[in-house]
Structures are given as structure tokens and as C-alpha cells.
């Protein structure tokens, strides 16, 4: 028996953004590796790339992510 059941039919109300096709899909049409989601609404899925860019920027500028670099620079002085 498989640990995870693979769904072959989309579930109404689940929205995904497909990275491969660059479009919004209702239900899982493409493999997990090629999509973001699920999102509660189509509008949220349409904004998936913008949301990802915003989160990446937040993480890149978060000082907690750069502690090792700051320590390395202090050790060199």
C-alpha cells in the first residue's frame, strides 16, 4: 500500500500556479515540482510569483539569515 495516494483529478476550490506553463490551475494538474499552492482563491494563485518575490526579498534582507557572515567578518578583524 502506498504511503501517499496520488490524486489524478483536481479538487474544486484548490488553486495552483504552474511554473512550467505559467498559468493558474484549479486542482493539481501538473506535478508538485512544477507548481506553487494550494491557494484558497484564484486571485491568490495569480499573485504567486509576486508573493514569492516579496518573500525572497524579506529573507534576503533578514539580519537573522546573515549572522554567520557577520561573525566571520568580526573574526577577521
PDB file of N, CA and C in Angstrom:
ATOM      1  N   UNK A   1       0.844  -1.181   0.000  1.00  0.00           N
ATOM      2  CA  UNK A   1       0.000   0.000   0.000  1.00  0.00           C
ATOM      3  C   UNK A   1       0.890   1.246   0.000  1.00  0.00           C
ATOM      4  N   UNK A   2       0.559   2.182  -0.845  1.00  0.00           N
ATOM      5  CA  UNK A   2       1.346   3.405  -0.952  1.00  0.00           C
ATOM      6  C   UNK A   2       1.134   4.283   0.278  1.00  0.00           C
ATOM      7  N   UNK A   3       2.193   4.949   0.666  1.00  0.00           N
ATOM      8  CA  UNK A   3       2.118   5.840   1.813  1.00  0.00           C
ATOM      9  C   UNK A   3       1.257   7.066   1.501  1.00  0.00           C
ATOM     10  N   UNK A   4       1.429   7.601   0.295  1.00  0.00           N
ATOM     11  CA  UNK A   4       0.647   8.748  -0.130  1.00  0.00           C
ATOM     12  C   UNK A   4      -0.147   8.374  -1.372  1.00  0.00           C
ATOM     13  N   UNK A   5      -1.419   8.683  -1.355  1.00  0.00           N
ATOM     14  CA  UNK A   5      -2.251   8.404  -2.515  1.00  0.00           C
ATOM     15  C   UNK A   5      -2.086   9.537  -3.516  1.00  0.00           C
ATOM     16  N   UNK A   6      -1.805   9.197  -4.742  1.00  0.00           N
ATOM     17  CA  UNK A   6      -1.616  10.198  -5.790  1.00  0.00           C
ATOM     18  C   UNK A   6      -2.971  10.545  -6.390  1.00  0.00           C
ATOM     19  N   UNK A   7      -3.317  11.816  -6.317  1.00  0.00           N
ATOM     20  CA  UNK A   7      -4.575  12.274  -6.890  1.00  0.00           C
ATOM     21  C   UNK A   7      -4.384  12.553  -8.362  1.00  0.00           C
ATOM     22  N   UNK A   8      -5.273  12.049  -9.151  1.00  0.00           N
ATOM     23  CA  UNK A   8      -5.189  12.300 -10.593  1.00  0.00           C
ATOM     24  C   UNK A   8      -6.235  13.301 -11.055  1.00  0.00           C
ATOM     25  N   UNK A   9      -7.176  13.616 -10.178  1.00  0.00           N
ATOM     26  CA  UNK A   9      -8.239  14.559 -10.521  1.00  0.00           C
ATOM     27  C   UNK A   9      -8.135  15.753  -9.591  1.00  0.00           C
ATOM     28  N   UNK A  10      -8.313  16.943 -10.163  1.00  0.00           N
ATOM     29  CA  UNK A  10      -8.245  18.155  -9.364  1.00  0.00           C
ATOM     30  C   UNK A  10      -9.389  18.258  -8.382  1.00  0.00           C
ATOM     31  N   UNK A  11      -9.147  18.937  -7.292  1.00  0.00           N
ATOM     32  CA  UNK A  11     -10.162  19.135  -6.268  1.00  0.00           C
ATOM     33  C   UNK A  11     -10.690  20.563  -6.405  1.00  0.00           C
ATOM     34  N   UNK A  12     -11.970  20.704  -6.536  1.00  0.00           N
ATOM     35  CA  UNK A  12     -12.580  22.036  -6.672  1.00  0.00           C
ATOM     36  C   UNK A  12     -12.229  22.900  -5.464  1.00  0.00           C
ATOM     37  N   UNK A  13     -11.877  24.149  -5.735  1.00  0.00           N
ATOM     38  CA  UNK A  13     -11.555  25.065  -4.649  1.00  0.00           C
ATOM     39  C   UNK A  13     -10.080  25.138  -4.311  1.00  0.00           C
ATOM     40  N   UNK A  14      -9.257  24.270  -4.874  1.00  0.00           N
ATOM     41  CA  UNK A  14      -7.813  24.347  -4.680  1.00  0.00           C
ATOM     42  C   UNK A  14      -7.203  24.970  -5.927  1.00  0.00           C
ATOM     43  N   UNK A  15      -6.451  26.012  -5.754  1.00  0.00           N
ATOM     44  CA  UNK A  15      -5.847  26.721  -6.874  1.00  0.00           C
ATOM     45  C   UNK A  15      -4.333  26.622  -6.782  1.00  0.00           C
ATOM     46  N   UNK A  16      -3.699  26.448  -7.915  1.00  0.00           N
ATOM     47  CA  UNK A  16      -2.244  26.316  -8.004  1.00  0.00           C
ATOM     48  C   UNK A  16      -1.717  27.220  -9.106  1.00  0.00           C
ATOM     49  N   UNK A  17      -0.441  27.605  -8.972  1.00  0.00           N
ATOM     50  CA  UNK A  17       0.224  28.313 -10.057  1.00  0.00           C
ATOM     51  C   UNK A  17       1.260  27.363 -10.623  1.00  0.00           C
ATOM     52  N   UNK A  18       1.126  27.020 -11.903  1.00  0.00           N
ATOM     53  CA  UNK A  18       2.041  26.101 -12.563  1.00  0.00           C
ATOM     54  C   UNK A  18       3.238  26.877 -13.090  1.00  0.00           C
ATOM     55  N   UNK A  19       4.425  26.521 -12.615  1.00  0.00           N
ATOM     56  CA  UNK A  19       5.658  27.181 -13.038  1.00  0.00           C
ATOM     57  C   UNK A  19       6.035  26.787 -14.464  1.00  0.00           C
ATOM     58  N   UNK A  20       5.703  25.578 -14.850  1.00  0.00           N
ATOM     59  CA  UNK A  20       6.028  25.073 -16.183  1.00  0.00           C
ATOM     60  C   UNK A  20       5.225  25.802 -17.265  1.00  0.00           C
ATOM     61  N   UNK A  21       3.922  25.921 -17.021  1.00  0.00           N
ATOM     62  CA  UNK A  21       3.027  26.521 -18.017  1.00  0.00           C
ATOM     63  C   UNK A  21       2.737  27.992 -17.747  1.00  0.00           C
ATOM     64  N   UNK A  22       3.199  28.498 -16.596  1.00  0.00           N
ATOM     65  CA  UNK A  22       2.985  29.883 -16.176  1.00  0.00           C
ATOM     66  C   UNK A  22       1.514  30.275 -16.233  1.00  0.00           C
ATOM     67  N   UNK A  23       0.695  29.424 -15.588  1.00  0.00           N
ATOM     68  CA  UNK A  23      -0.736  29.712 -15.553  1.00  0.00           C
ATOM     69  C   UNK A  23      -1.347  29.152 -14.281  1.00  0.00           C
ATOM     70  N   UNK A  24      -2.523  29.648 -13.958  1.00  0.00           N
ATOM     71  CA  UNK A  24      -3.265  29.199 -12.785  1.00  0.00           C
ATOM     72  C   UNK A  24      -4.083  27.976 -13.168  1.00  0.00           C
ATOM     73  N   UNK A  25      -4.103  26.994 -12.259  1.00  0.00           N
ATOM     74  CA  UNK A  25      -4.866  25.759 -12.496  1.00  0.00           C
ATOM     75  C   UNK A  25      -5.715  25.459 -11.281  1.00  0.00           C
ATOM     76  N   UNK A  26      -6.901  24.961 -11.514  1.00  0.00           N
ATOM     77  CA  UNK A  26      -7.742  24.515 -10.407  1.00  0.00           C
ATOM     78  C   UNK A  26      -7.502  23.028 -10.212  1.00  0.00           C
ATOM     79  N   UNK A  27      -7.093  22.685  -9.014  1.00  0.00           N
ATOM     80  CA  UNK A  27      -6.752  21.293  -8.739  1.00  0.00           C
ATOM     81  C   UNK A  27      -5.364  20.975  -9.252  1.00  0.00           C
ATOM     82  N   UNK A  28      -4.775  19.890  -8.770  1.00  0.00           N
ATOM     83  CA  UNK A  28      -3.410  19.547  -9.176  1.00  0.00           C
ATOM     84  C   UNK A  28      -3.369  18.931 -10.571  1.00  0.00           C
ATOM     85  N   UNK A  29      -3.083  19.739 -11.559  1.00  0.00           N
ATOM     86  CA  UNK A  29      -2.974  19.236 -12.926  1.00  0.00           C
ATOM     87  C   UNK A  29      -1.541  18.840 -13.253  1.00  0.00           C
ATOM     88  N   UNK A  30      -0.572  19.564 -12.715  1.00  0.00           N
ATOM     89  CA  UNK A  30       0.840  19.314 -13.003  1.00  0.00           C
ATOM     90  C   UNK A  30       1.532  18.728 -11.775  1.00  0.00           C
ATOM     91  N   UNK A  31       2.718  18.135 -11.947  1.00  0.00           N
ATOM     92  CA  UNK A  31       3.441  17.557 -10.808  1.00  0.00           C
ATOM     93  C   UNK A  31       3.775  18.608  -9.741  1.00  0.00           C
ATOM     94  N   UNK A  32       3.922  18.152  -8.499  1.00  0.00           N
ATOM     95  CA  UNK A  32       4.237  19.034  -7.379  1.00  0.00           C
ATOM     96  C   UNK A  32       5.461  19.897  -7.650  1.00  0.00           C
ATOM     97  N   UNK A  33       6.468  19.330  -8.284  1.00  0.00           N
ATOM     98  CA  UNK A  33       7.720  20.053  -8.507  1.00  0.00           C
ATOM     99  C   UNK A  33       7.542  21.257  -9.427  1.00  0.00           C
ATOM    100  N   UNK A  34       6.443  21.321 -10.144  1.00  0.00           N
ATOM    101  CA  UNK A  34       6.215  22.389 -11.118  1.00  0.00           C
ATOM    102  C   UNK A  34       5.158  23.397 -10.689  1.00  0.00           C
ATOM    103  N   UNK A  35       4.793  23.407  -9.405  1.00  0.00           N
ATOM    104  CA  UNK A  35       3.705  24.316  -9.034  1.00  0.00           C
ATOM    105  C   UNK A  35       3.861  24.870  -7.622  1.00  0.00           C
ATOM    106  N   UNK A  36       3.225  26.016  -7.403  1.00  0.00           N
ATOM    107  CA  UNK A  36       3.063  26.611  -6.083  1.00  0.00           C
ATOM    108  C   UNK A  36       1.611  26.411  -5.683  1.00  0.00           C
ATOM    109  N   UNK A  37       1.368  26.219  -4.401  1.00  0.00           N
ATOM    110  CA  UNK A  37      -0.002  26.111  -3.922  1.00  0.00           C
ATOM    111  C   UNK A  37      -0.156  24.961  -2.963  1.00  0.00           C
ATOM    112  N   UNK A  38      -1.348  24.727  -2.512  1.00  0.00           N
ATOM    113  CA  UNK A  38      -2.614  25.287  -2.977  1.00  0.00           C
ATOM    114  C   UNK A  38      -2.909  26.655  -2.370  1.00  0.00           C
ATOM    115  N   UNK A  39      -3.670  27.421  -3.100  1.00  0.00           N
ATOM    116  CA  UNK A  39      -4.167  28.720  -2.660  1.00  0.00           C
ATOM    117  C   UNK A  39      -5.675  28.617  -2.513  1.00  0.00           C
ATOM    118  N   UNK A  40      -6.235  29.450  -1.639  1.00  0.00           N
ATOM    119  CA  UNK A  40      -7.676  29.409  -1.379  1.00  0.00           C
ATOM    120  C   UNK A  40      -8.494  29.996  -2.527  1.00  0.00           C
ATOM    121  N   UNK A  41      -7.901  30.954  -3.245  1.00  0.00           N
ATOM    122  CA  UNK A  41      -8.651  31.599  -4.326  1.00  0.00           C
ATOM    123  C   UNK A  41      -7.801  31.665  -5.592  1.00  0.00           C
ATOM    124  N   UNK A  42      -8.475  31.852  -6.701  1.00  0.00           N
ATOM    125  CA  UNK A  42      -7.791  32.017  -7.983  1.00  0.00           C
ATOM    126  C   UNK A  42      -6.905  33.269  -7.955  1.00  0.00           C
ATOM    127  N   UNK A  43      -7.404  34.353  -7.339  1.00  0.00           N
ATOM    128  CA  UNK A  43      -6.655  35.607  -7.265  1.00  0.00           C
ATOM    129  C   UNK A  43      -5.335  35.422  -6.525  1.00  0.00           C
ATOM    130  N   UNK A  44      -5.345  34.654  -5.434  1.00  0.00           N
ATOM    131  CA  UNK A  44      -4.105  34.387  -4.694  1.00  0.00           C
ATOM    132  C   UNK A  44      -3.120  33.621  -5.566  1.00  0.00           C
ATOM    133  N   UNK A  45      -3.615  32.639  -6.303  1.00  0.00           N
ATOM    134  CA  UNK A  45      -2.748  31.853  -7.180  1.00  0.00           C
ATOM    135  C   UNK A  45      -2.168  32.718  -8.296  1.00  0.00           C
ATOM    136  N   UNK A  46      -2.945  33.663  -8.789  1.00  0.00           N
ATOM    137  CA  UNK A  46      -2.461  34.564  -9.841  1.00  0.00           C
ATOM    138  C   UNK A  46      -1.308  35.431  -9.348  1.00  0.00           C
ATOM    139  N   UNK A  47      -1.265  35.691  -8.053  1.00  0.00           N
ATOM    140  CA  UNK A  47      -0.218  36.520  -7.458  1.00  0.00           C
ATOM    141  C   UNK A  47       0.950  35.695  -6.909  1.00  0.00           C
ATOM    142  N   UNK A  48       1.005  34.412  -7.227  1.00  0.00           N
ATOM    143  CA  UNK A  48       2.016  33.511  -6.652  1.00  0.00           C
ATOM    144  C   UNK A  48       3.443  33.988  -6.894  1.00  0.00           C
ATOM    145  N   UNK A  49       3.758  34.422  -8.089  1.00  0.00           N
ATOM    146  CA  UNK A  49       5.127  34.844  -8.393  1.00  0.00           C
ATOM    147  C   UNK A  49       5.475  36.136  -7.653  1.00  0.00           C
ATOM    148  N   UNK A  50       4.535  37.057  -7.549  1.00  0.00           N
ATOM    149  CA  UNK A  50       4.770  38.299  -6.809  1.00  0.00           C
ATOM    150  C   UNK A  50       4.974  37.994  -5.327  1.00  0.00           C
ATOM    151  N   UNK A  51       4.173  37.087  -4.792  1.00  0.00           N
ATOM    152  CA  UNK A  51       4.310  36.688  -3.397  1.00  0.00           C
ATOM    153  C   UNK A  51       5.678  36.053  -3.159  1.00  0.00           C
ATOM    154  N   UNK A  52       6.118  35.196  -4.065  1.00  0.00           N
ATOM    155  CA  UNK A  52       7.428  34.549  -3.937  1.00  0.00           C
ATOM    156  C   UNK A  52       8.550  35.586  -3.974  1.00  0.00           C
ATOM    157  N   UNK A  53       8.453  36.564  -4.880  1.00  0.00           N
ATOM    158  CA  UNK A  53       9.473  37.625  -4.952  1.00  0.00           C
ATOM    159  C   UNK A  53       9.534  38.414  -3.653  1.00  0.00           C
ATOM    160  N   UNK A  54       8.369  38.766  -3.104  1.00  0.00           N
ATOM    161  CA  UNK A  54       8.319  39.520  -1.846  1.00  0.00           C
ATOM    162  C   UNK A  54       8.941  38.729  -0.706  1.00  0.00           C
ATOM    163  N   UNK A  55       8.604  37.448  -0.613  1.00  0.00           N
ATOM    164  CA  UNK A  55       9.162  36.617   0.461  1.00  0.00           C
ATOM    165  C   UNK A  55      10.664  36.435   0.306  1.00  0.00           C
ATOM    166  N   UNK A  56      11.124  36.244  -0.919  1.00  0.00           N
ATOM    167  CA  UNK A  56      12.564  36.112  -1.151  1.00  0.00           C
ATOM    168  C   UNK A  56      13.298  37.377  -0.722  1.00  0.00           C
ATOM    169  N   UNK A  57      12.747  38.536  -1.035  1.00  0.00           N
ATOM    170  CA  UNK A  57      13.363  39.795  -0.646  1.00  0.00           C
ATOM    171  C   UNK A  57      13.404  39.925   0.878  1.00  0.00           C
ATOM    172  N   UNK A  58      12.316  39.550   1.547  1.00  0.00           N
ATOM    173  CA  UNK A  58      12.284  39.590   3.011  1.00  0.00           C
ATOM    174  C   UNK A  58      13.374  38.700   3.594  1.00  0.00           C
ATOM    175  N   UNK A  59      13.520  37.490   3.061  1.00  0.00           N
ATOM    176  CA  UNK A  59      14.522  36.560   3.583  1.00  0.00           C
ATOM    177  C   UNK A  59      15.937  37.044   3.287  1.00  0.00           C
ATOM    178  N   UNK A  60      16.148  37.614   2.113  1.00  0.00           N
ATOM    179  CA  UNK A  60      17.481  38.096   1.744  1.00  0.00           C
ATOM    180  C   UNK A  60      17.918  39.277   2.601  1.00  0.00           C
ATOM    181  N   UNK A  61      16.966  40.059   3.078  1.00  0.00           N
ATOM    182  CA  UNK A  61      17.311  41.230   3.880  1.00  0.00           C
ATOM    183  C   UNK A  61      17.104  40.999   5.376  1.00  0.00           C
ATOM    184  N   UNK A  62      16.736  39.804   5.779  1.00  0.00           N
ATOM    185  CA  UNK A  62      16.537  39.482   7.195  1.00  0.00           C
ATOM    186  C   UNK A  62      17.894  39.305   7.868  1.00  0.00           C
ATOM    187  N   UNK A  63      18.207  40.114   8.874  1.00  0.00           N
ATOM    188  CA  UNK A  63      19.523  40.020   9.511  1.00  0.00           C
ATOM    189  C   UNK A  63      19.787  38.653  10.161  1.00  0.00           C
ATOM    190  N   UNK A  64      18.753  37.935  10.562  1.00  0.00           N
ATOM    191  CA  UNK A  64      18.950  36.608  11.175  1.00  0.00           C
ATOM    192  C   UNK A  64      19.576  35.618  10.199  1.00  0.00           C
ATOM    193  N   UNK A  65      19.351  35.813   8.899  1.00  0.00           N
ATOM    194  CA  UNK A  65      19.903  34.907   7.896  1.00  0.00           C
ATOM    195  C   UNK A  65      21.369  35.206   7.615  1.00  0.00           C
ATOM    196  N   UNK A  66      21.848  36.353   8.075  1.00  0.00           N
ATOM    197  CA  UNK A  66      23.208  36.770   7.759  1.00  0.00           C
ATOM    198  C   UNK A  66      24.122  36.772   8.983  1.00  0.00           C
ATOM    199  N   UNK A  67      23.731  36.094  10.055  1.00  0.00           N
ATOM    200  CA  UNK A  67      24.538  36.038  11.271  1.00  0.00           C
ATOM    201  C   UNK A  67      25.916  35.449  11.018  1.00  0.00           C
ATOM    202  N   UNK A  68      25.998  34.369  10.263  1.00  0.00           N
ATOM    203  CA  UNK A  68      27.283  33.703  10.019  1.00  0.00           C
ATOM    204  C   UNK A  68      28.234  34.646   9.303  1.00  0.00           C
ATOM    205  N   UNK A  69      27.754  35.408   8.357  1.00  0.00           N
ATOM    206  CA  UNK A  69      28.591  36.347   7.621  1.00  0.00           C
ATOM    207  C   UNK A  69      29.114  37.431   8.558  1.00  0.00           C
ATOM    208  N   UNK A  70      28.267  37.953   9.396  1.00  0.00           N
ATOM    209  CA  UNK A  70      28.675  39.000  10.330  1.00  0.00           C
ATOM    210  C   UNK A  70      29.718  38.456  11.313  1.00  0.00           C
ATOM    211  N   UNK A  71      29.547  37.233  11.796  1.00  0.00           N
ATOM    212  CA  UNK A  71      30.517  36.628  12.710  1.00  0.00           C
ATOM    213  C   UNK A  71      31.851  36.422  12.014  1.00  0.00           C
ATOM    214  N   UNK A  72      31.818  35.951  10.776  1.00  0.00           N
ATOM    215  CA  UNK A  72      33.052  35.736  10.009  1.00  0.00           C
ATOM    216  C   UNK A  72      33.814  37.031   9.838  1.00  0.00           C
ATOM    217  N   UNK A  73      33.108  38.125   9.556  1.00  0.00           N
ATOM    218  CA  UNK A  73      33.758  39.418   9.361  1.00  0.00           C
ATOM    219  C   UNK A  73      34.369  39.924  10.667  1.00  0.00           C
ATOM    220  N   UNK A  74      33.684  39.675  11.786  1.00  0.00           N
ATOM    221  CA  UNK A  74      34.201  40.087  13.092  1.00  0.00           C
ATOM    222  C   UNK A  74      35.433  39.277  13.477  1.00  0.00           C
ATOM    223  N   UNK A  75      35.475  38.005  13.111  1.00  0.00           N
ATOM    224  CA  UNK A  75      36.615  37.154  13.432  1.00  0.00           C
ATOM    225  C   UNK A  75      37.863  37.588  12.662  1.00  0.00           C
ATOM    226  N   UNK A  76      37.698  38.176  11.495  1.00  0.00           N
ATOM    227  CA  UNK A  76      38.824  38.593  10.666  1.00  0.00           C
ATOM    228  C   UNK A  76      39.488  39.851  11.199  1.00  0.00           C
ATOM    229  N   UNK A  77      38.763  40.636  12.024  1.00  0.00           N
ATOM    230  CA  UNK A  77      39.336  41.889  12.492  1.00  0.00           C
ATOM    231  C   UNK A  77      40.334  41.677  13.604  1.00  0.00           C
TER     232      UNK A  77
END
